[in-house]
């Protein structure tokens, strides 16, 4: 049994499709050892038909004249002439060594190389941003110090303005303190009682200040 997987095919430039669902992808199956026997077509939706134009011998010619694939991006094409009709098409690609290499390389790139490059790139970006942030923080700190100094100067100027811009009089003598005569300047009395050993009572004469005007 010989089976070819057809990805797409034309006969004299016209698309050859499944007669029932118009699918362009199908298989051509040849059963037997007689080249003159016609092949059968089978599409992916399980439709089957007999194709009298293409025989088992013609199926072998398609296989022999196909270009094959050497690289992953190649297409396996064919072109033959049967009974005056030109058949051209593309066979469904079989897996070749380059496909496996390409798949391995893609997986290695996506899962190992690319993440490693991304991590190194992010690390380099952080290394560049870190001193910039530190410099910006230092500038902000200096600006804050300048603003604080300006505020302090403004407060000092306002205080000087309210105080008339004068300094304290060095010859100023404070008024003498007159102690309260009732409590002898203590501001309170200690009274003994039965409930407590000593009870402190505020002086009512000086209101607890110990001074009188």
N, C-alpha and C. Protein backbone atom coordinates (compact mmCIF):
# COMPACT_ATOMS: atom_id res chain seq x y z
N UNK A 1 0.85 -1.20 0.00
CA UNK A 1 0.00 0.00 0.00
C UNK A 1 0.88 1.24 0.00
N UNK A 2 0.54 2.17 -0.88
CA UNK A 2 1.27 3.43 -0.99
C UNK A 2 0.32 4.58 -0.69
N UNK A 3 0.70 5.44 0.24
CA UNK A 3 -0.13 6.59 0.63
C UNK A 3 0.71 7.85 0.59
N UNK A 4 0.18 8.87 -0.07
CA UNK A 4 0.81 10.18 -0.08
C UNK A 4 -0.15 11.19 0.55
N UNK A 5 0.39 11.99 1.45
CA UNK A 5 -0.40 13.05 2.08
C UNK A 5 -0.26 14.33 1.27
N UNK A 6 -1.35 14.75 0.68
CA UNK A 6 -1.35 15.94 -0.17
C UNK A 6 -1.80 17.15 0.66
N UNK A 7 -0.95 18.16 0.69
CA UNK A 7 -1.33 19.39 1.39
C UNK A 7 -2.19 20.27 0.49
N UNK A 8 -1.83 20.34 -0.78
CA UNK A 8 -2.67 21.00 -1.79
C UNK A 8 -2.19 20.55 -3.17
N UNK A 9 -3.14 20.57 -4.13
CA UNK A 9 -2.80 20.08 -5.47
C UNK A 9 -3.68 20.78 -6.50
N UNK A 10 -3.11 20.97 -7.70
CA UNK A 10 -3.88 21.53 -8.82
C UNK A 10 -3.73 20.60 -10.02
N UNK A 11 -4.75 20.59 -10.87
CA UNK A 11 -4.70 19.87 -12.14
C UNK A 11 -4.93 20.89 -13.23
N UNK A 12 -3.92 21.10 -14.06
CA UNK A 12 -3.94 22.15 -15.09
C UNK A 12 -4.27 23.52 -14.50
N UNK A 13 -3.74 23.77 -13.31
CA UNK A 13 -3.92 25.08 -12.67
C UNK A 13 -5.19 25.22 -11.87
N UNK A 14 -6.07 24.23 -11.90
CA UNK A 14 -7.33 24.30 -11.15
C UNK A 14 -7.17 23.52 -9.84
N UNK A 15 -7.62 24.09 -8.73
CA UNK A 15 -7.48 23.39 -7.44
C UNK A 15 -8.22 22.06 -7.44
N UNK A 16 -7.54 21.04 -6.94
CA UNK A 16 -8.15 19.72 -6.79
C UNK A 16 -8.56 19.59 -5.33
N UNK A 17 -9.89 19.44 -5.09
CA UNK A 17 -10.42 19.45 -3.74
C UNK A 17 -11.27 18.21 -3.51
N UNK A 18 -11.60 17.99 -2.24
CA UNK A 18 -12.53 16.92 -1.91
C UNK A 18 -13.88 17.24 -2.56
N UNK A 19 -14.48 16.30 -3.30
CA UNK A 19 -15.73 16.59 -4.00
C UNK A 19 -16.91 16.85 -3.07
N UNK A 20 -16.79 16.50 -1.80
CA UNK A 20 -17.92 16.68 -0.88
C UNK A 20 -17.77 17.90 0.02
N UNK A 21 -16.59 18.10 0.61
CA UNK A 21 -16.41 19.22 1.55
C UNK A 21 -15.44 20.28 1.05
N UNK A 22 -14.86 20.08 -0.15
CA UNK A 22 -13.94 21.04 -0.76
C UNK A 22 -12.67 21.25 0.06
N UNK A 23 -12.28 20.24 0.83
CA UNK A 23 -11.04 20.34 1.58
C UNK A 23 -9.86 20.17 0.62
N UNK A 24 -8.82 21.01 0.79
CA UNK A 24 -7.67 20.92 -0.10
C UNK A 24 -6.61 19.94 0.40
N UNK A 25 -6.73 19.50 1.65
CA UNK A 25 -5.79 18.54 2.22
C UNK A 25 -6.45 17.15 2.25
N UNK A 26 -5.74 16.17 1.72
CA UNK A 26 -6.30 14.81 1.66
C UNK A 26 -5.14 13.84 1.45
N UNK A 27 -5.48 12.56 1.43
CA UNK A 27 -4.48 11.53 1.10
C UNK A 27 -4.90 10.83 -0.18
N UNK A 28 -3.90 10.37 -0.92
CA UNK A 28 -4.13 9.51 -2.08
C UNK A 28 -3.58 8.14 -1.73
N UNK A 29 -4.46 7.14 -1.72
CA UNK A 29 -4.09 5.80 -1.27
C UNK A 29 -4.16 4.82 -2.43
N UNK A 30 -3.08 4.09 -2.65
CA UNK A 30 -3.04 3.06 -3.68
C UNK A 30 -2.92 1.69 -3.05
N UNK A 31 -3.90 0.84 -3.30
CA UNK A 31 -3.90 -0.52 -2.75
C UNK A 31 -3.64 -1.52 -3.87
N UNK A 32 -2.63 -2.30 -3.72
CA UNK A 32 -2.32 -3.31 -4.72
C UNK A 32 -0.96 -3.08 -5.35
N UNK A 33 -0.62 -3.99 -6.28
CA UNK A 33 0.69 -3.94 -6.93
C UNK A 33 0.58 -3.65 -8.42
N UNK A 34 -0.62 -3.43 -8.91
CA UNK A 34 -0.82 -3.16 -10.33
C UNK A 34 -0.84 -1.66 -10.54
N UNK A 35 0.07 -1.15 -11.37
CA UNK A 35 0.19 0.29 -11.55
C UNK A 35 -1.05 0.91 -12.20
N UNK A 36 -1.83 0.13 -12.94
CA UNK A 36 -2.97 0.69 -13.66
C UNK A 36 -4.19 0.88 -12.77
N UNK A 37 -4.15 0.39 -11.56
CA UNK A 37 -5.31 0.54 -10.67
C UNK A 37 -5.44 1.99 -10.21
N UNK A 38 -6.67 2.52 -10.17
CA UNK A 38 -6.86 3.90 -9.70
C UNK A 38 -6.67 3.99 -8.18
N UNK A 39 -6.33 5.18 -7.75
CA UNK A 39 -6.15 5.42 -6.31
C UNK A 39 -7.45 5.98 -5.74
N UNK A 40 -7.50 6.01 -4.42
CA UNK A 40 -8.65 6.59 -3.74
C UNK A 40 -8.18 7.79 -2.93
N UNK A 41 -9.04 8.81 -2.90
CA UNK A 41 -8.77 9.98 -2.09
C UNK A 41 -9.56 9.92 -0.79
N UNK A 42 -8.96 10.39 0.27
CA UNK A 42 -9.61 10.43 1.58
C UNK A 42 -9.25 11.75 2.26
N UNK A 43 -10.28 12.52 2.63
CA UNK A 43 -10.02 13.80 3.29
C UNK A 43 -10.11 13.62 4.81
N UNK A 44 -9.77 14.69 5.52
CA UNK A 44 -9.71 14.61 6.98
C UNK A 44 -11.10 14.51 7.61
N UNK A 45 -12.17 14.75 6.81
CA UNK A 45 -13.53 14.60 7.33
C UNK A 45 -14.13 13.24 6.95
N UNK A 46 -13.25 12.30 6.62
CA UNK A 46 -13.63 10.90 6.34
C UNK A 46 -14.44 10.75 5.06
N UNK A 47 -14.34 11.70 4.14
CA UNK A 47 -14.96 11.53 2.82
C UNK A 47 -13.99 10.75 1.93
N UNK A 48 -14.51 9.83 1.14
CA UNK A 48 -13.68 8.97 0.31
C UNK A 48 -14.22 8.95 -1.12
N UNK A 49 -13.33 8.92 -2.09
CA UNK A 49 -13.73 8.89 -3.49
C UNK A 49 -12.63 8.22 -4.32
N UNK A 50 -13.04 7.73 -5.49
CA UNK A 50 -12.08 7.10 -6.40
C UNK A 50 -11.64 8.12 -7.44
N UNK A 51 -10.34 8.17 -7.71
CA UNK A 51 -9.81 9.12 -8.70
C UNK A 51 -9.23 8.33 -9.88
N UNK A 52 -9.98 8.20 -10.98
CA UNK A 52 -9.52 7.39 -12.11
C UNK A 52 -8.34 7.99 -12.86
N UNK A 53 -8.14 9.34 -12.75
CA UNK A 53 -7.02 9.96 -13.47
C UNK A 53 -5.67 9.53 -12.90
N UNK A 54 -5.63 9.35 -11.58
CA UNK A 54 -4.37 9.04 -10.92
C UNK A 54 -4.36 7.55 -10.56
N UNK A 55 -3.40 6.85 -11.08
CA UNK A 55 -3.26 5.42 -10.80
C UNK A 55 -2.14 5.21 -9.77
N UNK A 56 -1.98 3.95 -9.40
CA UNK A 56 -0.89 3.63 -8.46
C UNK A 56 0.45 3.98 -9.09
N UNK A 57 0.56 3.75 -10.41
CA UNK A 57 1.79 4.12 -11.10
C UNK A 57 2.01 5.63 -11.05
N UNK A 58 0.94 6.40 -11.23
CA UNK A 58 1.06 7.86 -11.14
C UNK A 58 1.42 8.30 -9.73
N UNK A 59 0.91 7.57 -8.75
CA UNK A 59 1.23 7.90 -7.35
C UNK A 59 2.72 7.69 -7.09
N UNK A 60 3.28 6.62 -7.71
CA UNK A 60 4.72 6.39 -7.54
C UNK A 60 5.53 7.49 -8.23
N UNK A 61 5.05 7.96 -9.36
CA UNK A 61 5.75 9.04 -10.07
C UNK A 61 5.74 10.32 -9.24
N UNK A 62 4.62 10.60 -8.58
CA UNK A 62 4.58 11.78 -7.71
C UNK A 62 5.62 11.66 -6.60
N UNK A 63 5.69 10.46 -6.02
CA UNK A 63 6.66 10.25 -4.95
C UNK A 63 8.09 10.38 -5.46
N UNK A 64 8.36 9.85 -6.65
CA UNK A 64 9.71 9.90 -7.20
C UNK A 64 10.12 11.31 -7.62
N UNK A 65 9.16 12.13 -8.05
CA UNK A 65 9.48 13.47 -8.56
C UNK A 65 9.34 14.57 -7.51
N UNK A 66 8.97 14.21 -6.30
CA UNK A 66 8.86 15.24 -5.26
C UNK A 66 10.25 15.75 -4.90
N UNK A 67 10.32 17.02 -4.57
CA UNK A 67 11.61 17.67 -4.29
C UNK A 67 12.18 17.26 -2.94
N UNK A 68 11.33 16.86 -2.01
CA UNK A 68 11.81 16.55 -0.67
C UNK A 68 12.15 17.83 0.10
N UNK A 69 12.56 17.65 1.33
CA UNK A 69 12.90 18.80 2.18
C UNK A 69 14.28 18.57 2.80
N UNK A 70 15.13 19.58 2.69
CA UNK A 70 16.45 19.55 3.31
C UNK A 70 16.51 20.41 4.56
N UNK A 71 15.73 21.49 4.56
CA UNK A 71 15.69 22.42 5.69
C UNK A 71 14.27 22.55 6.20
N UNK A 72 14.13 23.09 7.39
CA UNK A 72 12.80 23.18 8.00
C UNK A 72 11.87 24.08 7.22
N UNK A 73 12.42 25.11 6.55
CA UNK A 73 11.56 26.05 5.82
C UNK A 73 11.23 25.58 4.40
N UNK A 74 11.78 24.44 3.97
CA UNK A 74 11.53 23.94 2.61
C UNK A 74 10.13 23.34 2.51
N UNK A 75 9.60 23.33 1.26
CA UNK A 75 8.34 22.65 0.94
C UNK A 75 8.63 21.48 0.01
N UNK A 76 7.91 20.39 0.25
CA UNK A 76 8.07 19.18 -0.57
C UNK A 76 7.08 19.27 -1.73
N UNK A 77 7.54 19.74 -2.88
CA UNK A 77 6.65 19.98 -4.02
C UNK A 77 6.83 18.89 -5.09
N UNK A 78 5.87 18.84 -6.00
CA UNK A 78 5.96 17.89 -7.12
C UNK A 78 5.26 18.49 -8.34
N UNK A 79 5.61 17.97 -9.49
CA UNK A 79 4.96 18.35 -10.76
C UNK A 79 5.18 17.22 -11.76
N UNK A 80 4.07 16.61 -12.19
CA UNK A 80 4.14 15.53 -13.19
C UNK A 80 3.04 15.74 -14.22
N UNK A 81 3.12 14.99 -15.30
CA UNK A 81 2.10 15.03 -16.35
C UNK A 81 1.54 13.62 -16.53
N UNK A 82 0.21 13.54 -16.44
CA UNK A 82 -0.47 12.25 -16.61
C UNK A 82 -1.57 12.44 -17.64
N UNK A 83 -1.46 11.73 -18.78
CA UNK A 83 -2.48 11.79 -19.81
C UNK A 83 -2.74 13.20 -20.32
N UNK A 84 -1.72 14.01 -20.42
CA UNK A 84 -1.87 15.38 -20.90
C UNK A 84 -2.26 16.38 -19.82
N UNK A 85 -2.55 15.92 -18.62
CA UNK A 85 -2.90 16.81 -17.50
C UNK A 85 -1.68 17.02 -16.61
N UNK A 86 -1.45 18.27 -16.25
CA UNK A 86 -0.30 18.61 -15.40
C UNK A 86 -0.76 18.68 -13.95
N UNK A 87 -0.15 17.86 -13.14
CA UNK A 87 -0.47 17.83 -11.71
C UNK A 87 0.68 18.48 -10.94
N UNK A 88 0.38 19.51 -10.19
CA UNK A 88 1.37 20.15 -9.32
C UNK A 88 0.78 20.24 -7.92
N UNK A 89 1.66 20.21 -6.94
CA UNK A 89 1.16 20.31 -5.58
C UNK A 89 2.26 20.28 -4.54
N UNK A 90 1.83 20.24 -3.29
CA UNK A 90 2.74 20.21 -2.14
C UNK A 90 2.35 19.03 -1.27
N UNK A 91 3.33 18.20 -0.97
CA UNK A 91 3.09 17.08 -0.07
C UNK A 91 3.16 17.56 1.38
N UNK A 92 2.40 16.87 2.23
CA UNK A 92 2.44 17.19 3.66
C UNK A 92 3.85 16.91 4.19
N UNK A 93 4.45 17.87 4.88
CA UNK A 93 5.86 17.69 5.27
C UNK A 93 6.04 16.59 6.31
N UNK A 94 6.99 15.71 6.03
CA UNK A 94 7.42 14.73 7.03
C UNK A 94 8.51 15.35 7.90
N UNK A 95 8.64 14.86 9.11
CA UNK A 95 9.63 15.40 10.03
C UNK A 95 11.03 15.00 9.57
N UNK A 96 11.91 16.01 9.47
CA UNK A 96 13.29 15.76 9.10
C UNK A 96 14.20 16.20 10.25
N UNK A 97 15.49 15.93 10.10
CA UNK A 97 16.45 16.24 11.17
C UNK A 97 16.49 17.74 11.47
N UNK A 98 16.38 18.56 10.42
CA UNK A 98 16.44 20.01 10.64
C UNK A 98 15.23 20.49 11.44
N UNK A 99 14.08 19.82 11.28
CA UNK A 99 12.91 20.17 12.10
C UNK A 99 13.22 19.96 13.58
N UNK A 100 13.84 18.83 13.89
CA UNK A 100 14.17 18.54 15.28
C UNK A 100 15.20 19.52 15.81
N UNK A 101 16.21 19.85 14.98
CA UNK A 101 17.21 20.83 15.41
C UNK A 101 16.56 22.19 15.65
N UNK A 102 15.67 22.58 14.74
CA UNK A 102 15.01 23.87 14.88
C UNK A 102 14.13 23.92 16.12
N UNK A 103 13.40 22.82 16.36
CA UNK A 103 12.55 22.78 17.56
C UNK A 103 13.39 22.85 18.82
N UNK A 104 14.51 22.08 18.83
CA UNK A 104 15.40 22.10 20.01
C UNK A 104 15.98 23.48 20.22
N UNK A 105 16.39 24.12 19.13
CA UNK A 105 16.97 25.46 19.23
C UNK A 105 15.95 26.47 19.73
N UNK A 106 14.70 26.37 19.22
CA UNK A 106 13.65 27.30 19.66
C UNK A 106 13.36 27.12 21.14
N UNK A 107 13.26 25.86 21.57
CA UNK A 107 13.00 25.61 23.00
C UNK A 107 14.16 26.11 23.84
N UNK A 108 15.39 25.84 23.40
CA UNK A 108 16.58 26.28 24.15
C UNK A 108 16.63 27.80 24.21
N UNK A 109 16.26 28.45 23.10
CA UNK A 109 16.27 29.91 23.06
C UNK A 109 15.20 30.49 23.98
N UNK A 110 13.98 29.98 23.89
CA UNK A 110 12.86 30.55 24.63
C UNK A 110 12.95 30.27 26.12
N UNK A 111 13.42 29.09 26.49
CA UNK A 111 13.39 28.69 27.90
C UNK A 111 14.68 28.98 28.66
N UNK A 112 15.81 29.08 27.95
CA UNK A 112 17.09 29.24 28.65
C UNK A 112 17.79 30.53 28.26
N UNK A 113 18.08 30.69 26.95
CA UNK A 113 18.88 31.83 26.52
C UNK A 113 18.12 33.14 26.70
N UNK A 114 16.90 33.22 26.19
CA UNK A 114 16.15 34.48 26.25
C UNK A 114 15.89 34.94 27.67
N UNK A 115 15.44 34.05 28.60
CA UNK A 115 15.27 34.51 29.99
C UNK A 115 16.58 34.98 30.61
N UNK A 116 17.70 34.30 30.29
CA UNK A 116 18.99 34.73 30.85
C UNK A 116 19.37 36.11 30.34
N UNK A 117 19.15 36.36 29.06
CA UNK A 117 19.43 37.69 28.51
C UNK A 117 18.55 38.74 29.16
N UNK A 118 17.28 38.38 29.38
CA UNK A 118 16.35 39.34 30.01
C UNK A 118 16.80 39.67 31.43
N UNK A 119 17.25 38.64 32.17
CA UNK A 119 17.71 38.88 33.54
C UNK A 119 18.94 39.78 33.55
N UNK A 120 19.88 39.53 32.64
CA UNK A 120 21.08 40.38 32.58
C UNK A 120 20.71 41.81 32.20
N UNK A 121 19.78 41.96 31.29
CA UNK A 121 19.36 43.29 30.88
C UNK A 121 18.72 44.04 32.03
N UNK A 122 17.82 43.37 32.76
CA UNK A 122 17.17 44.01 33.90
C UNK A 122 18.18 44.38 34.97
N UNK A 123 19.19 43.50 35.18
CA UNK A 123 20.22 43.79 36.17
C UNK A 123 21.02 45.02 35.76
N UNK A 124 21.34 45.13 34.47
CA UNK A 124 22.09 46.29 33.99
C UNK A 124 21.27 47.57 34.12
N UNK A 125 19.97 47.48 33.83
CA UNK A 125 19.11 48.66 33.97
C UNK A 125 19.03 49.11 35.42
N UNK A 126 18.92 48.12 36.35
CA UNK A 126 18.88 48.48 37.77
C UNK A 126 20.20 49.11 38.20
N UNK A 127 21.32 48.59 37.67
CA UNK A 127 22.62 49.16 38.03
C UNK A 127 22.76 50.59 37.56
N UNK A 128 22.12 50.93 36.44
CA UNK A 128 22.17 52.31 35.94
C UNK A 128 21.24 53.21 36.73
N UNK A 129 20.06 52.69 37.08
CA UNK A 129 19.06 53.52 37.77
C UNK A 129 19.44 53.79 39.22
N UNK A 130 20.16 52.84 39.86
CA UNK A 130 20.46 52.97 41.28
C UNK A 130 21.25 54.24 41.60
N UNK A 131 22.39 54.54 40.91
CA UNK A 131 23.09 55.80 41.23
C UNK A 131 22.29 57.03 40.88
N UNK A 132 21.44 56.93 39.85
CA UNK A 132 20.60 58.08 39.50
C UNK A 132 19.62 58.38 40.62
N UNK A 133 19.02 57.33 41.20
CA UNK A 133 18.09 57.53 42.31
C UNK A 133 18.82 58.09 43.52
N UNK A 134 20.05 57.58 43.77
CA UNK A 134 20.81 58.08 44.91
C UNK A 134 21.14 59.56 44.73
N UNK A 135 21.56 59.93 43.51
CA UNK A 135 21.88 61.33 43.25
C UNK A 135 20.64 62.21 43.39
N UNK A 136 19.50 61.71 42.90
CA UNK A 136 18.27 62.48 43.04
C UNK A 136 17.89 62.64 44.50
N UNK A 137 18.10 61.56 45.30
CA UNK A 137 17.80 61.65 46.73
C UNK A 137 18.70 62.65 47.43
N UNK A 138 19.99 62.67 47.03
CA UNK A 138 20.91 63.63 47.64
C UNK A 138 20.52 65.05 47.29
N UNK A 139 20.13 65.27 46.04
CA UNK A 139 19.68 66.62 45.63
C UNK A 139 18.45 67.02 46.41
N UNK A 140 17.50 66.08 46.56
CA UNK A 140 16.28 66.38 47.32
C UNK A 140 16.60 66.70 48.76
N UNK A 141 17.56 65.95 49.35
CA UNK A 141 17.94 66.21 50.75
C UNK A 141 18.55 67.60 50.89
N UNK A 142 19.41 67.97 49.92
CA UNK A 142 20.01 69.31 49.98
C UNK A 142 18.95 70.39 49.81
N UNK A 143 18.00 70.15 48.94
CA UNK A 143 16.92 71.13 48.75
C UNK A 143 16.10 71.26 50.03
N UNK A 144 15.82 70.11 50.68
CA UNK A 144 15.06 70.15 51.94
C UNK A 144 15.83 70.93 53.00
N UNK A 145 17.16 70.71 53.07
CA UNK A 145 17.96 71.45 54.05
C UNK A 145 17.93 72.94 53.76
N UNK A 146 17.99 73.30 52.49
CA UNK A 146 17.94 74.73 52.12
C UNK A 146 16.61 75.34 52.49
N UNK A 147 15.53 74.60 52.22
CA UNK A 147 14.19 75.10 52.57
C UNK A 147 14.06 75.26 54.08
N UNK A 148 14.57 74.27 54.84
CA UNK A 148 14.49 74.35 56.30
C UNK A 148 15.28 75.56 56.82
N UNK A 149 16.46 75.80 56.23
CA UNK A 149 17.25 76.96 56.66
C UNK A 149 16.53 78.26 56.34
N UNK A 150 15.88 78.31 55.17
CA UNK A 150 15.14 79.51 54.81
C UNK A 150 13.97 79.74 55.76
N UNK A 151 13.28 78.63 56.12
CA UNK A 151 12.17 78.77 57.07
C UNK A 151 12.66 79.27 58.42
N UNK A 152 13.79 78.73 58.88
CA UNK A 152 14.34 79.17 60.17
C UNK A 152 14.71 80.64 60.13
N UNK A 153 15.30 81.08 59.02
CA UNK A 153 15.66 82.49 58.89
C UNK A 153 14.42 83.37 58.89
N UNK A 154 13.35 82.90 58.22
CA UNK A 154 12.12 83.68 58.18
C UNK A 154 11.49 83.78 59.56
N UNK A 155 11.51 82.67 60.31
CA UNK A 155 10.95 82.71 61.67
C UNK A 155 11.76 83.65 62.55
N UNK A 156 13.10 83.60 62.41
CA UNK A 156 13.94 84.50 63.19
C UNK A 156 13.68 85.95 62.85
N UNK A 157 13.49 86.24 61.56
CA UNK A 157 13.21 87.61 61.16
C UNK A 157 11.87 88.07 61.70
N UNK A 158 10.86 87.18 61.67
CA UNK A 158 9.55 87.56 62.21
C UNK A 158 9.63 87.82 63.71
N UNK A 159 10.40 87.01 64.42
CA UNK A 159 10.55 87.22 65.86
C UNK A 159 11.24 88.55 66.16
N UNK A 160 12.29 88.84 65.37
CA UNK A 160 12.98 90.12 65.56
C UNK A 160 12.05 91.29 65.29
N UNK A 161 11.18 91.10 64.28
CA UNK A 161 10.26 92.20 63.96
C UNK A 161 9.25 92.41 65.08
N UNK A 162 8.72 91.30 65.62
CA UNK A 162 7.75 91.43 66.71
C UNK A 162 8.41 91.96 67.98
N UNK A 163 9.67 91.62 68.21
CA UNK A 163 10.36 92.10 69.41
C UNK A 163 10.98 93.47 69.22
N UNK A 164 10.73 94.06 68.06
CA UNK A 164 11.26 95.40 67.81
C UNK A 164 12.72 95.38 67.42
N UNK A 165 13.26 94.23 67.19
CA UNK A 165 14.65 94.13 66.77
C UNK A 165 15.63 94.47 67.87
N UNK A 166 15.19 94.44 69.14
CA UNK A 166 16.06 94.81 70.26
C UNK A 166 16.56 93.58 70.96
N UNK A 167 17.68 93.71 71.62
CA UNK A 167 18.25 92.65 72.44
C UNK A 167 17.85 92.87 73.90
N UNK A 168 17.87 91.86 74.76
CA UNK A 168 17.53 92.04 76.18
C UNK A 168 18.46 93.06 76.85
N UNK A 169 17.85 93.87 77.74
CA UNK A 169 18.61 94.91 78.46
C UNK A 169 19.53 94.26 79.48
N UNK A 170 20.85 94.47 79.36
CA UNK A 170 21.76 93.83 80.34
C UNK A 170 21.63 94.42 81.73
N UNK A 171 21.08 95.63 81.87
CA UNK A 171 20.94 96.28 83.18
C UNK A 171 19.60 95.98 83.84
N UNK A 172 18.79 95.13 83.17
CA UNK A 172 17.46 94.85 83.72
C UNK A 172 17.60 93.99 84.97
N UNK A 173 16.87 94.40 86.03
CA UNK A 173 16.87 93.66 87.30
C UNK A 173 15.46 93.20 87.59
N UNK A 174 15.24 91.91 87.72
CA UNK A 174 13.88 91.44 87.99
C UNK A 174 13.38 91.90 89.36
N UNK A 175 12.06 92.00 89.46
CA UNK A 175 11.45 92.42 90.73
C UNK A 175 11.69 91.36 91.79
N UNK A 176 11.89 91.78 93.05
CA UNK A 176 12.13 90.80 94.12
C UNK A 176 10.90 89.96 94.40
N UNK A 177 11.14 88.71 94.78
CA UNK A 177 10.05 87.79 95.11
C UNK A 177 9.74 87.92 96.59
N UNK A 178 8.45 88.14 96.89
CA UNK A 178 8.01 88.28 98.28
C UNK A 178 7.33 86.97 98.67
N UNK A 179 7.91 86.21 99.58
CA UNK A 179 7.29 84.95 99.98
C UNK A 179 6.01 85.18 100.77
N UNK A 180 5.11 84.19 100.60
CA UNK A 180 3.84 84.27 101.34
C UNK A 180 4.12 84.08 102.82
N UNK A 181 3.58 84.97 103.65
CA UNK A 181 3.81 84.89 105.08
C UNK A 181 3.01 83.78 105.74
N UNK A 182 1.90 83.39 105.12
CA UNK A 182 1.05 82.37 105.75
C UNK A 182 1.70 80.98 105.66
N UNK A 183 2.28 80.67 104.49
CA UNK A 183 2.86 79.32 104.30
C UNK A 183 4.37 79.35 104.23
N UNK A 184 4.96 80.56 104.53
CA UNK A 184 6.42 80.72 104.48
C UNK A 184 7.00 80.37 103.10
N UNK A 185 6.22 80.69 102.06
CA UNK A 185 6.69 80.47 100.69
C UNK A 185 6.60 79.05 100.20
N UNK A 186 5.98 78.16 101.00
CA UNK A 186 5.88 76.75 100.59
C UNK A 186 4.70 76.51 99.66
N UNK A 187 3.67 77.31 99.75
CA UNK A 187 2.49 77.15 98.91
C UNK A 187 1.52 76.13 99.43
N UNK A 188 1.81 75.44 100.55
CA UNK A 188 0.91 74.43 101.09
C UNK A 188 1.24 74.19 102.55
N UNK A 189 0.28 73.50 103.21
CA UNK A 189 0.45 73.12 104.62
C UNK A 189 0.37 71.60 104.73
N UNK A 190 1.13 71.03 105.63
CA UNK A 190 1.07 69.60 105.92
C UNK A 190 0.27 69.39 107.18
N UNK A 191 -0.85 68.69 107.08
CA UNK A 191 -1.77 68.46 108.20
C UNK A 191 -1.82 66.96 108.48
N UNK A 192 -1.66 66.59 109.72
CA UNK A 192 -1.74 65.20 110.13
C UNK A 192 -3.18 64.83 110.43
N UNK A 193 -3.57 63.61 110.06
CA UNK A 193 -4.93 63.13 110.32
C UNK A 193 -4.86 61.67 110.69
N UNK A 194 -6.03 61.14 111.12
CA UNK A 194 -6.09 59.73 111.51
C UNK A 194 -6.08 58.80 110.29
N UNK A 195 -6.62 59.30 109.19
CA UNK A 195 -6.69 58.46 108.00
C UNK A 195 -5.35 58.39 107.27
N UNK A 196 -4.63 59.47 107.27
CA UNK A 196 -3.35 59.52 106.59
C UNK A 196 -2.32 60.09 107.53
N UNK A 197 -1.07 59.69 107.31
CA UNK A 197 0.00 60.24 108.16
C UNK A 197 0.15 61.73 107.94
N UNK A 198 0.19 62.14 106.70
CA UNK A 198 0.37 63.56 106.39
C UNK A 198 -0.51 63.90 105.20
N UNK A 199 -1.23 65.00 105.29
CA UNK A 199 -2.08 65.49 104.20
C UNK A 199 -1.61 66.88 103.81
N UNK A 200 -1.38 67.08 102.50
CA UNK A 200 -0.93 68.38 102.01
C UNK A 200 -2.13 69.17 101.54
N UNK A 201 -2.24 70.42 102.07
CA UNK A 201 -3.36 71.31 101.72
C UNK A 201 -2.78 72.58 101.12
N UNK A 202 -3.33 72.98 99.97
CA UNK A 202 -2.82 74.18 99.30
C UNK A 202 -3.14 75.43 100.12
N UNK A 203 -2.18 76.36 100.11
CA UNK A 203 -2.36 77.63 100.84
C UNK A 203 -3.39 78.47 100.11
N UNK A 204 -4.40 78.94 100.85
CA UNK A 204 -5.46 79.74 100.25
C UNK A 204 -5.06 81.21 100.10
N UNK A 205 -3.99 81.61 100.75
CA UNK A 205 -3.57 83.02 100.68
C UNK A 205 -2.86 83.29 99.36
N UNK A 206 -1.90 82.42 99.01
CA UNK A 206 -1.13 82.63 97.77
C UNK A 206 -1.56 81.72 96.64
N UNK A 207 -2.65 80.93 96.88
CA UNK A 207 -3.18 79.99 95.88
C UNK A 207 -2.14 78.96 95.45
N UNK A 208 -1.23 78.62 96.39
CA UNK A 208 -0.26 77.56 96.10
C UNK A 208 0.99 78.03 95.40
N UNK A 209 1.12 79.34 95.13
CA UNK A 209 2.33 79.82 94.43
C UNK A 209 3.48 80.07 95.38
N UNK A 210 3.21 80.30 96.64
CA UNK A 210 4.25 80.62 97.60
C UNK A 210 4.73 82.05 97.52
N UNK A 211 4.07 82.89 96.70
CA UNK A 211 4.45 84.28 96.54
C UNK A 211 3.22 85.17 96.69
N UNK A 212 3.49 86.41 97.08
CA UNK A 212 2.41 87.41 97.16
C UNK A 212 2.89 88.66 96.45
N UNK A 213 1.95 89.36 95.87
CA UNK A 213 2.29 90.60 95.16
C UNK A 213 2.68 91.70 96.13
